């Protein structure tokens, strides 16, 4: 297998793996510990969960952009 193709497939696998890990963590905390659902009014746990969710989503998107930007520079050379 050519090195560029191998690097590209590795990038895809790493992206999917990181996204799945992020989803698994957020689903576990949200559903198992019951922070994703409101029972009447939002509690402090609900608010902290959604703040963590949004901050971690933002950081995940930044990670993806940085990772794929590096591939774009490699692909242009």
C-alpha atoms as a PDB file:
ATOM      1  CA  UNK A   1       0.000   0.000   0.000  1.00  0.00           C
ATOM      2  CA  UNK A   2       1.311   3.443  -0.858  1.00  0.00           C
ATOM      3  CA  UNK A   3       2.363   5.668   2.051  1.00  0.00           C
ATOM      4  CA  UNK A   4      -0.085   8.475   1.150  1.00  0.00           C
ATOM      5  CA  UNK A   5      -3.044   6.108   1.010  1.00  0.00           C
ATOM      6  CA  UNK A   6      -2.000   4.459   4.248  1.00  0.00           C
ATOM      7  CA  UNK A   7      -1.659   7.852   5.977  1.00  0.00           C
ATOM      8  CA  UNK A   8      -5.052   8.948   4.657  1.00  0.00           C
ATOM      9  CA  UNK A   9      -6.798   5.787   5.861  1.00  0.00           C
ATOM     10  CA  UNK A  10      -5.107   6.108   9.242  1.00  0.00           C
ATOM     11  CA  UNK A  11      -6.373   9.692   9.462  1.00  0.00           C
ATOM     12  CA  UNK A  12      -9.916   8.514   8.717  1.00  0.00           C
ATOM     13  CA  UNK A  13      -9.731   5.750  11.339  1.00  0.00           C
ATOM     14  CA  UNK A  14      -8.348   8.148  13.955  1.00  0.00           C
ATOM     15  CA  UNK A  15     -11.088  10.674  13.225  1.00  0.00           C
ATOM     16  CA  UNK A  16     -13.848   8.081  13.512  1.00  0.00           C
ATOM     17  CA  UNK A  17     -12.302   6.605  16.670  1.00  0.00           C
ATOM     18  CA  UNK A  18     -12.009   9.978  18.399  1.00  0.00           C
ATOM     19  CA  UNK A  19     -15.588  10.866  17.449  1.00  0.00           C
ATOM     20  CA  UNK A  20     -16.890   7.537  18.738  1.00  0.00           C
ATOM     21  CA  UNK A  21     -14.948   7.930  22.002  1.00  0.00           C
ATOM     22  CA  UNK A  22     -16.378  11.419  22.456  1.00  0.00           C
ATOM     23  CA  UNK A  23     -19.896  10.105  21.821  1.00  0.00           C
ATOM     24  CA  UNK A  24     -19.403   7.166  24.189  1.00  0.00           C
ATOM     25  CA  UNK A  25     -18.202   9.401  27.024  1.00  0.00           C
ATOM     26  CA  UNK A  26     -21.024  11.905  26.590  1.00  0.00           C
ATOM     27  CA  UNK A  27     -23.718   9.244  26.250  1.00  0.00           C
ATOM     28  CA  UNK A  28     -22.442   7.393  29.301  1.00  0.00           C
ATOM     29  CA  UNK A  29     -22.367  10.491  31.474  1.00  0.00           C
ATOM     30  CA  UNK A  30     -25.623  11.863  30.087  1.00  0.00           C
ATOM     31  CA  UNK A  31     -27.768   8.733  30.046  1.00  0.00           C
ATOM     32  CA  UNK A  32     -26.249   6.473  32.712  1.00  0.00           C
ATOM     33  CA  UNK A  33     -25.922   9.233  35.308  1.00  0.00           C
ATOM     34  CA  UNK A  34     -29.180  10.855  34.105  1.00  0.00           C
ATOM     35  CA  UNK A  35     -27.676  14.303  33.425  1.00  0.00           C
ATOM     36  CA  UNK A  36     -29.025  14.627  29.873  1.00  0.00           C
ATOM     37  CA  UNK A  37     -32.674  14.622  30.940  1.00  0.00           C
ATOM     38  CA  UNK A  38     -34.558  17.323  32.800  1.00  0.00           C
ATOM     39  CA  UNK A  39     -36.991  16.371  35.527  1.00  0.00           C
ATOM     40  CA  UNK A  40     -39.028  19.535  35.877  1.00  0.00           C
ATOM     41  CA  UNK A  41     -36.354  22.206  36.086  1.00  0.00           C
ATOM     42  CA  UNK A  42     -32.681  21.862  35.136  1.00  0.00           C
ATOM     43  CA  UNK A  43     -30.407  20.961  38.041  1.00  0.00           C
ATOM     44  CA  UNK A  44     -26.781  21.963  38.524  1.00  0.00           C
ATOM     45  CA  UNK A  45     -25.708  18.555  37.179  1.00  0.00           C
ATOM     46  CA  UNK A  46     -27.696  19.126  33.974  1.00  0.00           C
ATOM     47  CA  UNK A  47     -26.163  22.542  33.455  1.00  0.00           C
ATOM     48  CA  UNK A  48     -22.620  21.314  34.089  1.00  0.00           C
ATOM     49  CA  UNK A  49     -23.177  18.350  31.767  1.00  0.00           C
ATOM     50  CA  UNK A  50     -24.309  20.552  28.887  1.00  0.00           C
ATOM     51  CA  UNK A  51     -21.468  23.028  29.471  1.00  0.00           C
ATOM     52  CA  UNK A  52     -19.007  20.108  29.374  1.00  0.00           C
ATOM     53  CA  UNK A  53     -20.776  18.764  26.273  1.00  0.00           C
ATOM     54  CA  UNK A  54     -20.464  22.045  24.371  1.00  0.00           C
ATOM     55  CA  UNK A  55     -16.867  22.738  25.415  1.00  0.00           C
ATOM     56  CA  UNK A  56     -15.756  19.214  24.545  1.00  0.00           C
ATOM     57  CA  UNK A  57     -17.583  19.413  21.189  1.00  0.00           C
ATOM     58  CA  UNK A  58     -15.785  22.670  20.405  1.00  0.00           C
ATOM     59  CA  UNK A  59     -12.427  21.125  21.337  1.00  0.00           C
ATOM     60  CA  UNK A  60     -13.186  18.012  19.278  1.00  0.00           C
ATOM     61  CA  UNK A  61     -13.961  20.150  16.229  1.00  0.00           C
ATOM     62  CA  UNK A  62     -10.710  22.084  16.726  1.00  0.00           C
ATOM     63  CA  UNK A  63      -8.831  18.793  16.969  1.00  0.00           C
ATOM     64  CA  UNK A  64     -10.423  17.556  13.744  1.00  0.00           C
ATOM     65  CA  UNK A  65      -9.653  20.790  11.912  1.00  0.00           C
ATOM     66  CA  UNK A  66      -6.006  20.708  13.027  1.00  0.00           C
ATOM     67  CA  UNK A  67      -5.639  17.046  12.085  1.00  0.00           C
ATOM     68  CA  UNK A  68      -7.226  17.452   8.643  1.00  0.00           C
ATOM     69  CA  UNK A  69      -5.401  20.715   7.961  1.00  0.00           C
ATOM     70  CA  UNK A  70      -2.145  18.812   8.358  1.00  0.00           C
ATOM     71  CA  UNK A  71      -3.347  16.274   5.788  1.00  0.00           C
ATOM     72  CA  UNK A  72      -4.235  19.054   3.330  1.00  0.00           C
ATOM     73  CA  UNK A  73      -0.693  20.407   3.542  1.00  0.00           C
ATOM     74  CA  UNK A  74       0.751  16.920   2.999  1.00  0.00           C
ATOM     75  CA  UNK A  75      -1.569  16.276   0.053  1.00  0.00           C
ATOM     76  CA  UNK A  76      -0.549  19.513  -1.703  1.00  0.00           C
ATOM     77  CA  UNK A  77       3.141  18.723  -1.704  1.00  0.00           C
END
